[in-house]
Amino acid sequence: MTEPAPPGLPKVVVVGRPNVGKSTLFNRLAGRRSALVADQPGLTRDALEAPARLGGRDVLLVDTAGLEEAAPETLAGRMRAGAETAVAAAAVVLFVIDARAGIVPADAHFAAWLRRQGKTVLLIANKAEGRGGMAGSFDAFRLGLGAPLVVSAEHGQGIGALMGAIAGALPEAGVPVAAAGEKPLRLAIVGRPNAGKSTLINRLLGTERLLTGPEPGLTRDAVAVALEDAQGRIDLVDTAGLRRRARITGAVEKLAASAAIAALKHAELVALVVDASEGLHDQDLQLARLVEQEGRALVLVFNKWDAVSDPAAARRAIAARLEASLNQLKGIETVALSARTGRGVERFLPAVRRAAEVWNRRVPTGEINRWLEAALERHPPPLIAGRRLKLRYATQASARPPTFVLFGGRAERLPDSYQRYLVNSLRESFALSGTPIRIELRGTRNPYTERD
């Protein structure tokens, strides 16, 4: 999973035809497994970014889709357009070839294109382990990009020399980037395939940053991009569409699903994008429950609202389904919009900020104990083995999500049904709508008697 970097870092963009090892090299330079890697061409589709320190210089690494000759309207053509956009913003371009395969016509074609861009280009002969790789690297001289840097990204050979060469090719360091202020909000965008997650992010950014199209499953990596609103920075993480586990069969889809779940677990807040024209599916509700189980704040986004023929009936159906199947997140923030047209998108970020504020909310201990006294008076705890449980006091242990600790005699034996009553009462009393609430129980013992 990639992550946004502070603005102003010089970009080092990795390009080349499919399956030459660009993502493996990207991960090796980044020092972590940010991009998905598999023995399959065309795995990377969106440009992935990760901050790194190379040869004493801070840079922003950019991994790109494989360069292929294709019509602009095709998937391969749109992927190539994304790579060309990344090259346009590059300080240094790493053009990667497969040393074992030698120079193929596609390498020569794109090398000629790179020479016309006026960029600083370093030629990387990857997969050069063994005799075959070293011999194949000599062919690279005829590309007209200078002497190749011979590496094996998979085995780490030649990486130190490559880092030094990159640092030497960078322009002089400018004014240091100002220190970051408040920590950004990390927001994961999840949902089933073709729900419009990438289209929503592009609309928020005001640019075609992420690959979109009618084909389901376009996004594979968890791609992070930074966005600013009136309250500060938000790190948006686009993820692959998640289907039911039983329907995930291919190795690539399994990798993509794992990256999406990891992004969800590392996020603070999750926007679950639902195709409103199809209504709430069981898989949507399953994802919402997973978010709640992980203790993350949640916003439900009903995209493609412009395709809903009867909005009033759709709202009623959604409300009924949420009440019946997601009552543990009563009052959840919902937004109806169309990412394609932009209608309603202006309501999305305010809903995100409201959900984050509730998720971070802290309640003073005095108010909590006044609430507890009133809640116990309205509905006393049940009898256990003929004796009533006694809850004596409560406090909030933490936020993110709001977590409350209740103390009392045999409190740990409090039934689930009564705990649900307390959670619902907390939600109503302290405006904790739509956020996960945790209750921890701590039993106490009277030191002057053997029995409570």
Protein backbone atom coordinates (compact mmCIF):
# COMPACT_ATOMS: atom_id res chain seq x y z
CA MET A 1 0.00 0.00 0.00
CA THR A 2 1.38 3.36 -1.00
CA GLU A 3 1.23 6.55 1.03
CA PRO A 4 1.18 10.24 0.18
CA ALA A 5 4.36 12.23 0.76
CA PRO A 6 4.98 15.85 1.76
CA PRO A 7 4.61 18.19 -1.22
CA GLY A 8 7.69 19.46 -3.02
CA LEU A 9 9.73 16.26 -3.22
CA PRO A 10 11.39 15.56 -6.60
CA LYS A 11 9.71 12.68 -8.41
CA VAL A 12 11.62 9.61 -9.54
CA VAL A 13 9.37 7.80 -12.00
CA VAL A 14 9.84 4.13 -12.90
CA VAL A 15 8.71 3.22 -16.45
CA GLY A 16 9.12 0.36 -18.90
CA ARG A 17 7.13 -2.24 -20.76
CA PRO A 18 5.08 -4.79 -18.77
CA ASN A 19 6.77 -7.45 -16.62
CA VAL A 20 10.31 -6.05 -16.63
CA GLY A 21 10.29 -5.79 -12.81
CA LYS A 22 9.28 -2.16 -12.29
CA SER A 23 7.20 -2.83 -9.16
CA THR A 24 9.89 -5.06 -7.67
CA LEU A 25 12.44 -2.27 -8.20
CA PHE A 26 9.98 0.29 -6.79
CA ASN A 27 9.53 -1.80 -3.63
CA ARG A 28 13.28 -2.32 -3.31
CA LEU A 29 14.00 1.41 -3.54
CA ALA A 30 11.10 2.30 -1.23
CA GLY A 31 12.39 -0.17 1.36
CA ARG A 32 8.98 -1.77 1.81
CA ARG A 33 6.40 -3.77 -0.11
CA SER A 34 4.19 -0.95 -1.38
CA ALA A 35 3.26 -2.25 -4.85
CA LEU A 36 1.70 -5.62 -5.65
CA VAL A 37 4.14 -8.01 -7.30
CA ALA A 38 3.35 -11.20 -9.20
CA ASP A 39 4.70 -13.07 -12.21
CA GLN A 40 2.05 -11.59 -14.47
CA PRO A 41 2.32 -8.70 -16.94
CA GLY A 42 0.12 -5.64 -16.47
CA LEU A 43 -0.36 -6.05 -12.72
CA THR A 44 0.22 -2.35 -11.96
CA ARG A 45 -2.45 -0.07 -13.42
CA ASP A 46 -2.49 3.18 -11.43
CA ALA A 47 0.58 5.28 -10.70
CA LEU A 48 1.72 4.41 -7.17
CA GLU A 49 3.71 6.80 -5.00
CA ALA A 50 5.95 6.27 -1.98
CA PRO A 51 8.44 8.58 -0.25
CA ALA A 52 12.01 7.29 -0.03
CA ARG A 53 15.51 8.44 0.84
CA LEU A 54 18.05 7.62 -1.88
CA GLY A 55 21.70 8.56 -1.60
CA GLY A 56 20.93 11.11 1.10
CA ARG A 57 18.11 12.78 -0.88
CA ASP A 58 14.41 12.63 -0.08
CA VAL A 59 12.37 11.76 -3.18
CA LEU A 60 8.92 10.62 -4.19
CA LEU A 61 9.07 7.30 -6.04
CA VAL A 62 6.38 6.71 -8.66
CA ASP A 63 5.61 3.27 -10.07
CA THR A 64 3.67 3.21 -13.35
CA ALA A 65 1.73 0.85 -15.56
CA GLY A 66 3.61 -1.00 -18.29
CA LEU A 67 4.12 0.99 -21.49
CA GLU A 68 2.29 -0.62 -24.40
CA GLU A 69 1.33 0.55 -27.90
CA ALA A 70 -2.47 0.63 -27.94
CA ALA A 71 -5.39 2.81 -28.98
CA PRO A 72 -6.10 5.63 -26.47
CA GLU A 73 -9.62 4.39 -25.67
CA THR A 74 -8.47 0.90 -24.67
CA LEU A 75 -7.46 -0.10 -21.14
CA ALA A 76 -3.80 -0.41 -22.19
CA GLY A 77 -4.00 3.00 -23.85
CA ARG A 78 -5.45 4.62 -20.74
CA MET A 79 -2.77 2.97 -18.61
CA ARG A 80 -0.06 4.30 -20.93
CA ALA A 81 -1.57 7.80 -20.71
CA GLY A 82 -1.26 7.64 -16.93
CA ALA A 83 2.41 6.68 -17.23
CA GLU A 84 3.04 9.53 -19.68
CA THR A 85 1.47 11.99 -17.23
CA ALA A 86 3.80 10.74 -14.50
CA VAL A 87 6.84 11.16 -16.77
CA ALA A 88 5.83 14.75 -17.51
CA ALA A 89 6.16 15.58 -13.78
CA ALA A 90 9.39 13.60 -13.23
CA ALA A 91 12.75 14.96 -12.11
CA VAL A 92 14.40 11.65 -13.03
CA VAL A 93 13.01 8.77 -15.08
CA LEU A 94 14.16 5.19 -14.49
CA PHE A 95 13.64 3.30 -17.77
CA VAL A 96 13.66 -0.40 -16.92
CA ILE A 97 14.39 -3.20 -19.36
CA ASP A 98 14.61 -6.96 -18.88
CA ALA A 99 18.30 -7.86 -19.30
CA ARG A 100 17.50 -11.54 -19.72
CA ALA A 101 15.07 -10.89 -22.59
CA GLY A 102 17.32 -8.37 -24.33
CA ILE A 103 16.08 -5.38 -26.29
CA VAL A 104 12.68 -5.88 -27.93
CA PRO A 105 10.95 -3.47 -30.36
CA ALA A 106 8.77 -2.00 -27.58
CA ASP A 107 11.90 -1.04 -25.61
CA ALA A 108 13.35 0.75 -28.64
CA HIS A 109 10.05 2.52 -29.37
CA PHE A 110 9.62 3.91 -25.87
CA ALA A 111 13.31 4.73 -25.48
CA ALA A 112 12.98 6.94 -28.57
CA TRP A 113 9.89 8.55 -27.05
CA LEU A 114 11.73 9.21 -23.77
CA ARG A 115 14.62 10.89 -25.59
CA ARG A 116 12.14 13.40 -27.03
CA GLN A 117 10.75 14.32 -23.58
CA GLY A 118 13.84 16.21 -22.49
CA LYS A 119 13.97 14.40 -19.14
CA THR A 120 16.93 13.02 -17.21
CA VAL A 121 16.72 9.28 -17.91
CA LEU A 122 18.65 6.48 -16.21
CA LEU A 123 18.61 3.19 -18.11
CA ILE A 124 18.13 0.22 -15.76
CA ALA A 125 18.97 -3.30 -16.94
CA ASN A 126 17.01 -5.37 -14.45
CA LYS A 127 17.00 -9.16 -13.88
CA ALA A 128 20.75 -9.16 -14.55
CA GLU A 129 21.59 -11.96 -12.14
CA GLY A 130 23.62 -14.73 -13.77
CA ARG A 131 25.47 -14.86 -17.09
CA GLY A 132 22.39 -14.48 -19.26
CA GLY A 133 21.39 -11.28 -17.57
CA MET A 134 24.84 -9.71 -17.76
CA ALA A 135 25.19 -10.60 -21.45
CA GLY A 136 21.76 -9.20 -22.25
CA SER A 137 22.55 -5.90 -20.56
CA PHE A 138 25.16 -5.07 -23.24
CA ASP A 139 22.37 -4.77 -25.83
CA ALA A 140 21.01 -1.79 -23.91
CA PHE A 141 23.72 0.54 -25.26
CA ARG A 142 21.93 0.75 -28.61
CA LEU A 143 18.91 2.47 -27.02
CA GLY A 144 20.81 5.75 -26.99
CA LEU A 145 20.23 6.40 -23.28
CA GLY A 146 23.81 5.93 -22.13
CA ALA A 147 25.38 3.09 -20.20
CA PRO A 148 22.86 0.86 -18.42
CA LEU A 149 22.89 0.46 -14.65
CA VAL A 150 22.90 -3.30 -14.11
CA VAL A 151 20.73 -4.48 -11.20
CA SER A 152 18.69 -7.37 -9.88
CA ALA A 153 15.78 -5.83 -8.01
CA GLU A 154 14.62 -9.23 -6.79
CA HIS A 155 17.99 -10.08 -5.21
CA GLY A 156 19.10 -6.55 -4.29
CA GLN A 157 22.17 -6.55 -6.53
CA GLY A 158 23.37 -3.14 -7.70
CA ILE A 159 20.73 -1.24 -5.73
CA GLY A 160 23.25 0.80 -3.71
CA ALA A 161 24.96 2.05 -6.87
CA LEU A 162 21.57 2.84 -8.41
CA MET A 163 20.55 4.93 -5.38
CA GLY A 164 23.75 6.93 -5.69
CA ALA A 165 23.19 7.46 -9.41
CA ILE A 166 19.65 8.69 -8.78
CA ALA A 167 20.83 11.16 -6.13
CA GLY A 168 23.51 12.44 -8.51
CA ALA A 169 20.99 12.93 -11.31
CA LEU A 170 18.53 14.95 -9.21
CA PRO A 171 18.43 18.74 -9.50
CA GLU A 172 19.92 20.75 -6.68
CA ALA A 173 17.88 20.61 -3.49
CA GLY A 174 15.56 23.58 -3.13
CA VAL A 175 14.06 25.16 -0.07
CA PRO A 176 13.18 22.48 2.49
CA VAL A 177 9.53 21.59 2.63
CA ALA A 178 7.80 23.18 5.61
CA ALA A 179 7.22 20.87 8.53
CA ALA A 180 3.91 19.12 8.42
CA GLY A 181 1.23 20.40 10.74
CA GLU A 182 -1.53 18.34 12.24
CA LYS A 183 -1.53 14.66 11.35
CA PRO A 184 -3.71 14.04 8.27
CA LEU A 185 -6.91 12.02 8.43
CA ARG A 186 -6.45 8.64 6.74
CA LEU A 187 -9.55 7.70 4.77
CA ALA A 188 -9.93 4.38 2.94
CA ILE A 189 -12.40 4.15 0.04
CA VAL A 190 -13.79 0.60 -0.17
CA GLY A 191 -16.65 -1.18 -1.89
CA ARG A 192 -17.60 -3.84 -4.38
CA PRO A 193 -16.11 -3.81 -7.90
CA ASN A 194 -17.34 -1.06 -10.24
CA ALA A 195 -19.08 0.93 -7.48
CA GLY A 196 -17.23 4.09 -8.60
CA LYS A 197 -14.53 4.43 -5.95
CA SER A 198 -11.79 5.70 -8.29
CA THR A 199 -14.22 8.00 -10.09
CA LEU A 200 -15.17 9.57 -6.74
CA ILE A 201 -11.52 10.20 -5.85
CA ASN A 202 -10.82 11.72 -9.26
CA ARG A 203 -13.83 14.01 -8.81
CA LEU A 204 -12.59 15.10 -5.38
CA LEU A 205 -9.10 15.77 -6.75
CA GLY A 206 -10.40 17.55 -9.84
CA THR A 207 -8.12 15.49 -12.08
CA GLU A 208 -7.97 12.03 -13.67
CA ARG A 209 -5.38 10.78 -11.17
CA LEU A 210 -6.70 7.20 -11.02
CA LEU A 211 -7.53 4.84 -13.85
CA THR A 212 -11.27 4.49 -14.44
CA GLY A 213 -13.46 2.80 -17.00
CA PRO A 214 -16.40 0.44 -17.50
CA GLU A 215 -14.28 -2.64 -16.80
CA PRO A 216 -14.79 -3.96 -13.22
CA GLY A 217 -11.69 -4.59 -11.12
CA LEU A 218 -9.47 -1.91 -12.67
CA THR A 219 -7.91 -0.92 -9.33
CA ARG A 220 -5.53 -3.50 -7.88
CA ASP A 221 -3.06 -1.77 -5.56
CA ALA A 222 -4.17 0.30 -2.58
CA VAL A 223 -3.28 3.73 -3.98
CA ALA A 224 -2.94 6.71 -1.63
CA VAL A 225 -3.33 10.33 -2.70
CA ALA A 226 -3.42 13.54 -0.64
CA LEU A 227 -6.29 16.00 -0.58
CA GLU A 228 -6.75 19.30 1.28
CA ASP A 229 -10.05 20.64 2.59
CA ALA A 230 -10.82 23.56 4.89
CA GLN A 231 -9.82 21.54 7.96
CA GLY A 232 -6.52 20.16 6.70
CA ARG A 233 -5.08 17.23 4.83
CA ILE A 234 -6.85 13.96 4.10
CA ASP A 235 -4.94 10.94 2.81
CA LEU A 236 -7.35 9.10 0.51
CA VAL A 237 -6.63 5.42 -0.13
CA ASP A 238 -8.30 3.88 -3.17
CA THR A 239 -8.69 0.10 -2.98
CA ALA A 240 -9.58 -2.83 -5.20
CA GLY A 241 -13.22 -3.88 -5.36
CA LEU A 242 -14.04 -6.55 -2.78
CA ARG A 243 -16.21 -9.49 -3.74
CA ARG A 244 -17.38 -12.34 -1.56
CA ARG A 245 -14.45 -14.46 -0.44
CA ALA A 246 -15.82 -17.56 -2.18
CA ARG A 247 -15.74 -15.74 -5.54
CA ILE A 248 -12.12 -14.57 -5.21
CA THR A 249 -10.10 -17.19 -7.10
CA GLY A 250 -7.18 -15.70 -9.05
CA ALA A 251 -3.85 -14.99 -7.38
CA VAL A 252 -3.89 -11.34 -8.45
CA GLU A 253 -7.38 -10.76 -7.08
CA LYS A 254 -6.35 -12.36 -3.80
CA LEU A 255 -3.36 -10.00 -3.57
CA ALA A 256 -5.57 -7.02 -4.37
CA ALA A 257 -8.19 -8.06 -1.82
CA SER A 258 -5.52 -8.47 0.86
CA ALA A 259 -4.18 -4.98 0.10
CA ALA A 260 -7.71 -3.55 0.33
CA ILE A 261 -8.37 -5.17 3.71
CA ALA A 262 -5.00 -3.97 5.00
CA ALA A 263 -5.86 -0.42 3.89
CA LEU A 264 -9.18 -0.65 5.73
CA LYS A 265 -7.48 -1.79 8.93
CA HIS A 266 -4.84 0.97 8.77
CA ALA A 267 -7.37 3.72 8.06
CA GLU A 268 -9.03 5.89 10.65
CA LEU A 269 -12.21 6.35 8.68
CA VAL A 270 -13.74 4.27 5.88
CA ALA A 271 -16.05 5.41 3.10
CA LEU A 272 -18.03 2.44 1.84
CA VAL A 273 -19.10 3.20 -1.73
CA VAL A 274 -22.32 1.47 -2.80
CA ASP A 275 -23.79 1.34 -6.30
CA ALA A 276 -27.15 3.00 -5.55
CA SER A 277 -28.65 1.72 -8.79
CA GLU A 278 -28.28 -1.83 -7.43
CA GLY A 279 -29.18 -1.12 -3.79
CA LEU A 280 -27.51 -2.48 -0.67
CA HIS A 281 -26.09 -5.97 -1.25
CA ASP A 282 -25.21 -8.47 1.44
CA GLN A 283 -21.54 -7.91 0.56
CA ASP A 284 -21.93 -4.18 1.27
CA LEU A 285 -23.35 -4.95 4.70
CA GLN A 286 -20.60 -7.50 5.34
CA LEU A 287 -17.97 -4.84 4.59
CA ALA A 288 -19.77 -2.38 6.90
CA ARG A 289 -19.72 -4.95 9.70
CA LEU A 290 -16.01 -5.53 9.13
CA VAL A 291 -15.39 -1.79 9.48
CA GLU A 292 -17.37 -1.77 12.74
CA GLN A 293 -15.49 -4.80 14.06
CA GLU A 294 -12.19 -3.03 13.34
CA GLY A 295 -13.45 -0.02 15.28
CA ARG A 296 -13.22 2.42 12.37
CA ALA A 297 -15.52 5.35 11.65
CA LEU A 298 -17.76 4.75 8.63
CA VAL A 299 -19.55 6.83 6.00
CA LEU A 300 -21.91 5.15 3.55
CA VAL A 301 -21.71 6.65 0.06
CA PHE A 302 -24.53 5.85 -2.35
CA ASN A 303 -22.93 6.55 -5.72
CA LYS A 304 -24.65 6.64 -9.13
CA TRP A 305 -27.65 8.30 -7.48
CA ASP A 306 -28.45 9.89 -10.84
CA ALA A 307 -29.32 6.39 -12.12
CA VAL A 308 -31.94 5.79 -9.37
CA SER A 309 -35.42 6.05 -10.90
CA ASP A 310 -37.34 6.64 -7.62
CA PRO A 311 -35.05 8.35 -5.06
CA ALA A 312 -37.73 8.53 -2.33
CA ALA A 313 -38.43 4.78 -2.53
CA ALA A 314 -34.69 4.06 -2.62
CA ARG A 315 -34.13 6.09 0.55
CA ARG A 316 -36.91 4.22 2.34
CA ALA A 317 -35.49 0.85 1.26
CA ILE A 318 -31.98 1.84 2.38
CA ALA A 319 -33.21 3.06 5.77
CA ALA A 320 -35.17 -0.15 6.36
CA ARG A 321 -32.22 -2.33 5.37
CA LEU A 322 -29.82 -0.40 7.63
CA GLU A 323 -32.19 -0.60 10.59
CA ALA A 324 -32.64 -4.34 10.13
CA SER A 325 -29.06 -5.31 9.31
CA LEU A 326 -26.72 -2.61 10.68
CA ASN A 327 -28.39 -1.46 13.87
CA GLN A 328 -25.04 -1.48 15.72
CA LEU A 329 -24.16 1.66 13.73
CA LYS A 330 -27.43 3.49 14.24
CA GLY A 331 -27.35 7.02 12.86
CA ILE A 332 -24.51 6.36 10.43
CA GLU A 333 -23.56 9.18 8.05
CA THR A 334 -24.93 8.57 4.53
CA VAL A 335 -24.29 10.58 1.37
CA ALA A 336 -26.14 10.22 -1.95
CA LEU A 337 -24.14 11.50 -4.92
CA SER A 338 -23.03 10.97 -8.48
CA ALA A 339 -19.26 10.87 -8.86
CA ARG A 340 -19.67 10.89 -12.66
CA THR A 341 -21.61 14.17 -12.80
CA GLY A 342 -20.37 15.69 -9.55
CA ARG A 343 -23.87 16.14 -8.15
CA GLY A 344 -23.89 15.86 -4.35
CA VAL A 345 -20.12 15.34 -4.10
CA GLU A 346 -19.78 18.57 -2.10
CA ARG A 347 -21.57 16.81 0.79
CA PHE A 348 -19.01 14.01 1.01
CA LEU A 349 -16.07 15.62 2.83
CA PRO A 350 -18.28 17.39 5.43
CA ALA A 351 -19.86 13.99 6.21
CA VAL A 352 -16.38 12.51 6.56
CA ARG A 353 -15.32 15.25 8.97
CA ARG A 354 -18.49 14.83 11.07
CA ALA A 355 -17.95 11.07 11.33
CA ALA A 356 -14.30 11.62 12.30
CA GLU A 357 -15.30 14.14 14.98
CA VAL A 358 -17.73 11.67 16.57
CA TRP A 359 -15.14 8.88 16.39
CA ASN A 360 -12.65 11.10 18.24
CA ARG A 361 -15.15 12.40 20.83
CA ARG A 362 -14.33 12.32 24.57
CA VAL A 363 -16.93 12.68 27.32
CA PRO A 364 -16.04 14.06 30.81
CA THR A 365 -16.13 11.46 33.58
CA GLY A 366 -18.68 13.45 35.60
CA GLU A 367 -21.14 13.42 32.68
CA ILE A 368 -20.59 9.70 32.15
CA ASN A 369 -21.42 8.87 35.75
CA ARG A 370 -24.54 11.05 35.73
CA TRP A 371 -25.57 9.18 32.60
CA LEU A 372 -24.87 5.82 34.29
CA GLU A 373 -27.00 6.72 37.30
CA ALA A 374 -29.93 7.69 35.06
CA ALA A 375 -29.52 4.61 32.86
CA LEU A 376 -29.53 2.28 35.88
CA GLU A 377 -32.61 4.00 37.27
CA ARG A 378 -34.51 3.62 33.99
CA HIS A 379 -33.55 -0.01 33.54
CA PRO A 380 -31.77 -1.73 36.48
CA PRO A 381 -29.24 -4.50 35.70
CA PRO A 382 -30.69 -8.03 35.69
CA LEU A 383 -30.48 -10.65 38.42
CA ILE A 384 -27.69 -13.20 38.09
CA ALA A 385 -28.03 -16.31 40.28
CA GLY A 386 -30.68 -14.48 42.30
CA ARG A 387 -28.54 -11.40 42.98
CA ARG A 388 -28.65 -8.10 41.13
CA LEU A 389 -25.47 -6.88 39.47
CA LYS A 390 -24.20 -3.55 40.75
CA LEU A 391 -22.53 -1.06 38.41
CA ARG A 392 -20.81 1.58 40.54
CA TYR A 393 -19.05 3.99 38.18
CA ALA A 394 -17.78 4.45 34.65
CA THR A 395 -15.16 6.36 32.70
CA GLN A 396 -14.04 6.75 29.12
CA ALA A 397 -10.78 4.88 28.58
CA SER A 398 -10.10 6.13 25.06
CA ALA A 399 -11.52 7.54 21.86
CA ARG A 400 -10.99 6.30 18.26
CA PRO A 401 -13.47 4.58 18.77
CA PRO A 402 -15.13 5.76 22.01
CA THR A 403 -14.38 3.11 24.63
CA PHE A 404 -15.98 3.12 28.09
CA VAL A 405 -15.04 1.09 31.16
CA LEU A 406 -17.75 0.11 33.66
CA PHE A 407 -16.82 -0.97 37.19
CA GLY A 408 -18.99 -2.90 39.61
CA GLY A 409 -19.56 -6.09 41.49
CA ARG A 410 -19.47 -9.01 39.06
CA ALA A 411 -19.68 -6.51 36.19
CA GLU A 412 -17.95 -8.98 33.89
CA ARG A 413 -21.11 -11.12 34.01
CA LEU A 414 -23.31 -8.41 32.52
CA PRO A 415 -25.45 -10.00 29.75
CA ASP A 416 -24.96 -8.94 26.13
CA SER A 417 -28.53 -7.65 25.96
CA TYR A 418 -27.92 -5.19 28.81
CA GLN A 419 -24.61 -4.12 27.25
CA ARG A 420 -26.51 -3.31 24.04
CA TYR A 421 -28.95 -1.23 26.09
CA LEU A 422 -26.03 0.73 27.58
CA VAL A 423 -24.41 1.23 24.16
CA ASN A 424 -27.66 2.57 22.69
CA SER A 425 -28.11 4.84 25.70
CA LEU A 426 -24.54 6.17 25.35
CA ARG A 427 -25.13 6.79 21.66
CA GLU A 428 -28.28 8.81 22.31
CA SER A 429 -27.00 10.69 25.37
CA PHE A 430 -23.67 11.85 23.95
CA ALA A 431 -24.44 12.21 20.22
CA LEU A 432 -22.31 9.21 19.22
CA SER A 433 -24.40 8.35 16.18
CA GLY A 434 -22.98 6.00 13.58
CA THR A 435 -19.67 5.25 15.30
CA PRO A 436 -18.52 1.99 16.92
CA ILE A 437 -18.79 2.05 20.73
CA ARG A 438 -16.84 -0.32 22.94
CA ILE A 439 -17.71 -1.26 26.55
CA GLU A 440 -15.19 -2.96 28.82
CA LEU A 441 -16.31 -4.47 32.13
CA ARG A 442 -14.26 -4.54 35.31
CA GLY A 443 -15.46 -6.46 38.34
CA THR A 444 -14.74 -5.13 41.84
CA ARG A 445 -14.62 -6.92 45.18
CA ASN A 446 -15.71 -5.62 48.58
CA PRO A 447 -12.72 -6.24 50.90
CA TYR A 448 -14.96 -6.37 54.05
CA THR A 449 -17.23 -9.15 52.91
CA GLU A 450 -16.82 -12.41 51.10
CA ARG A 451 -19.86 -11.69 49.01
CA ASP A 452 -20.97 -8.60 47.17
